[in-house]
Amino acid sequence: MLRLLITPLIAAALLLPACATRPADSESPAPKALSSDQLTGTWIAVNLPGVALPQPSAVDSARNGPPTIEFSQSRAAGFSGVNRFSSDLTLNATGPGGLRFGPIISTKMAGPADRMALEAAFLKALSDTTAARIEGNDLILTAHQAELLRLRKQP
């Protein structure tokens, strides 16, 4: 009788660790340090969660296209939807992959309501950014591992 009780208990003790949850192999890799060389150039916004981005076109893209950023050394500047902006840029200050914009300055022209909303969301994403990573030709700006803005490097 005792043997009938002990055998299932031993089997359960041996199998129970196999049921434990383990971290997924697909967890985000450790952040990598960013260099100004990796960022240098012009990047175009391709995804701003919750905001419809206009498609780039050759016709009047400077005023009606999506926001852009041009990185150069420790500066970022570009088109935010209606206005031009400029900002200091701090790389890796909070550790590998760290990225901060600020202070951000911009011209103060008014535009259509949808473009002003786009600009506000874009500039907020820049202000909230704490880290970034590069995946292929895309630069992903994040805060607390949430994607704020995805930009694509222009040739």
Protein backbone atom coordinates (compact mmCIF):
# COMPACT_ATOMS: atom_id res chain seq x y z
CA MET A 1 0.00 0.00 0.00
CA LEU A 2 2.79 2.38 0.91
CA ARG A 3 4.53 1.57 -2.38
CA LEU A 4 1.35 2.54 -4.30
CA LEU A 5 1.39 6.01 -2.70
CA ILE A 6 5.12 6.70 -2.96
CA THR A 7 5.53 5.80 -6.64
CA PRO A 8 3.06 8.46 -7.92
CA LEU A 9 4.56 11.05 -5.57
CA ILE A 10 8.07 10.42 -6.88
CA ALA A 11 6.85 10.54 -10.48
CA ALA A 12 5.07 13.85 -9.81
CA ALA A 13 8.20 15.29 -8.16
CA LEU A 14 10.28 14.36 -11.20
CA LEU A 15 7.80 15.68 -13.78
CA LEU A 16 6.72 18.88 -12.05
CA PRO A 17 9.87 20.90 -12.97
CA ALA A 18 9.22 20.13 -16.64
CA CYS A 19 5.93 22.03 -16.38
CA ALA A 20 7.55 25.19 -15.03
CA THR A 21 7.38 28.21 -17.30
CA ARG A 22 10.59 29.38 -18.87
CA PRO A 23 11.43 32.68 -20.54
CA ALA A 24 10.62 32.55 -24.22
CA ASP A 25 13.55 32.25 -26.58
CA SER A 26 12.03 35.11 -28.56
CA GLU A 27 12.58 37.71 -25.82
CA SER A 28 14.08 40.97 -27.02
CA PRO A 29 17.84 40.79 -27.39
CA ALA A 30 19.97 43.01 -25.20
CA PRO A 31 20.03 46.59 -26.52
CA LYS A 32 23.02 47.55 -28.63
CA ALA A 33 24.85 50.84 -28.41
CA LEU A 34 23.95 53.32 -31.15
CA SER A 35 26.51 55.35 -33.02
CA SER A 36 26.04 58.65 -34.82
CA ASP A 37 27.34 56.92 -37.97
CA GLN A 38 24.40 54.48 -37.88
CA LEU A 39 21.92 57.34 -37.63
CA THR A 40 23.50 59.78 -40.07
CA GLY A 41 21.19 60.48 -42.99
CA THR A 42 17.51 61.09 -43.63
CA TRP A 43 14.79 58.92 -42.12
CA ILE A 44 11.09 59.01 -43.05
CA ALA A 45 8.25 58.14 -40.65
CA VAL A 46 6.52 54.92 -41.71
CA ASN A 47 4.58 54.05 -38.55
CA LEU A 48 3.26 56.26 -35.78
CA PRO A 49 0.85 54.11 -33.75
CA GLY A 50 -2.67 55.52 -33.76
CA VAL A 51 -1.96 58.08 -36.49
CA ALA A 52 -2.52 57.77 -40.24
CA LEU A 53 0.66 58.84 -41.99
CA PRO A 54 0.53 60.37 -45.47
CA GLN A 55 2.35 58.43 -48.15
CA PRO A 56 5.45 60.05 -49.58
CA SER A 57 5.05 61.39 -53.10
CA ALA A 58 7.28 63.26 -55.47
CA VAL A 59 4.68 66.03 -55.81
CA ASP A 60 4.86 68.60 -53.02
CA SER A 61 6.28 66.05 -50.56
CA ALA A 62 8.03 68.79 -48.61
CA ARG A 63 4.67 70.09 -47.32
CA ASN A 64 2.27 67.15 -47.56
CA GLY A 65 4.45 64.10 -46.99
CA PRO A 66 5.16 62.23 -43.78
CA PRO A 67 7.48 63.60 -41.10
CA THR A 68 11.21 63.16 -41.59
CA ILE A 69 14.33 63.34 -39.45
CA GLU A 70 17.87 64.05 -40.55
CA PHE A 71 20.56 63.06 -38.06
CA SER A 72 23.96 64.72 -38.06
CA GLN A 73 26.43 64.19 -35.20
CA SER A 74 24.58 65.12 -31.99
CA ARG A 75 21.67 66.90 -33.72
CA ALA A 76 18.37 65.94 -35.26
CA ALA A 77 16.32 68.17 -37.54
CA GLY A 78 13.51 67.69 -40.00
CA PHE A 79 9.89 68.13 -40.98
CA SER A 80 7.26 67.34 -38.35
CA GLY A 81 4.09 67.49 -40.45
CA VAL A 82 3.61 71.25 -40.80
CA ASN A 83 6.73 72.83 -39.33
CA ARG A 84 10.47 72.29 -39.29
CA PHE A 85 12.05 71.16 -36.02
CA SER A 86 15.51 70.82 -34.55
CA SER A 87 16.81 69.11 -31.43
CA ASP A 88 19.90 68.07 -29.55
CA LEU A 89 20.44 64.32 -29.54
CA THR A 90 21.93 62.23 -26.73
CA LEU A 91 23.04 58.69 -27.56
CA ASN A 92 23.53 55.87 -25.03
CA ALA A 93 23.18 58.16 -21.99
CA THR A 94 20.88 55.69 -20.23
CA GLY A 95 22.85 52.65 -21.41
CA PRO A 96 23.25 50.83 -24.72
CA GLY A 97 20.48 51.81 -27.11
CA GLY A 98 19.51 54.88 -25.10
CA LEU A 99 18.34 57.84 -27.18
CA ARG A 100 16.99 61.21 -26.07
CA PHE A 101 15.78 64.23 -28.04
CA GLY A 102 15.68 67.64 -26.48
CA PRO A 103 15.08 70.35 -26.16
CA ILE A 104 13.00 70.30 -29.33
CA ILE A 105 12.42 73.62 -31.07
CA SER A 106 10.24 74.25 -34.10
CA THR A 107 8.77 76.91 -36.32
CA LYS A 108 5.21 77.89 -35.38
CA MET A 109 3.17 77.88 -38.59
CA ALA A 110 -0.44 76.74 -38.47
CA GLY A 111 -1.82 74.11 -40.81
CA PRO A 112 -4.89 71.95 -41.39
CA ALA A 113 -6.23 70.21 -38.28
CA ASP A 114 -5.19 66.72 -39.44
CA ARG A 115 -1.62 67.89 -40.14
CA MET A 116 -1.43 69.69 -36.78
CA ALA A 117 -2.59 66.48 -35.02
CA LEU A 118 0.04 64.49 -36.94
CA GLU A 119 2.72 66.99 -35.94
CA ALA A 120 1.69 66.93 -32.27
CA ALA A 121 1.80 63.12 -32.17
CA PHE A 122 5.17 63.02 -33.97
CA LEU A 123 6.80 65.59 -31.66
CA LYS A 124 5.35 63.83 -28.60
CA ALA A 125 6.87 60.54 -29.79
CA LEU A 126 10.27 62.25 -30.09
CA SER A 127 9.91 63.85 -26.64
CA ASP A 128 8.91 60.54 -25.02
CA THR A 129 11.69 58.48 -26.64
CA THR A 130 14.13 56.86 -24.21
CA ALA A 131 15.70 54.19 -26.45
CA ALA A 132 16.05 53.09 -30.05
CA ARG A 133 17.10 50.11 -32.07
CA ILE A 134 17.86 49.51 -35.72
CA GLU A 135 16.23 46.61 -37.54
CA GLY A 136 17.37 46.41 -41.15
CA ASN A 137 16.59 49.82 -42.70
CA ASP A 138 14.20 50.80 -39.89
CA LEU A 139 14.90 52.87 -36.80
CA ILE A 140 12.44 52.10 -34.00
CA LEU A 141 12.06 54.72 -31.28
CA THR A 142 10.77 53.30 -28.00
CA ALA A 143 9.87 54.09 -24.40
CA HIS A 144 9.52 51.30 -21.86
CA GLN A 145 9.93 48.80 -24.73
CA ALA A 146 6.81 50.15 -26.48
CA GLU A 147 7.21 51.30 -30.07
CA LEU A 148 6.53 55.04 -30.38
CA LEU A 149 7.71 55.67 -33.93
CA ARG A 150 9.21 53.70 -36.81
CA LEU A 151 11.33 55.47 -39.41
CA ARG A 152 12.90 54.12 -42.60
CA LYS A 153 16.30 55.22 -43.85
CA GLN A 154 16.23 56.94 -47.21
CA PRO A 155 18.82 55.98 -49.84
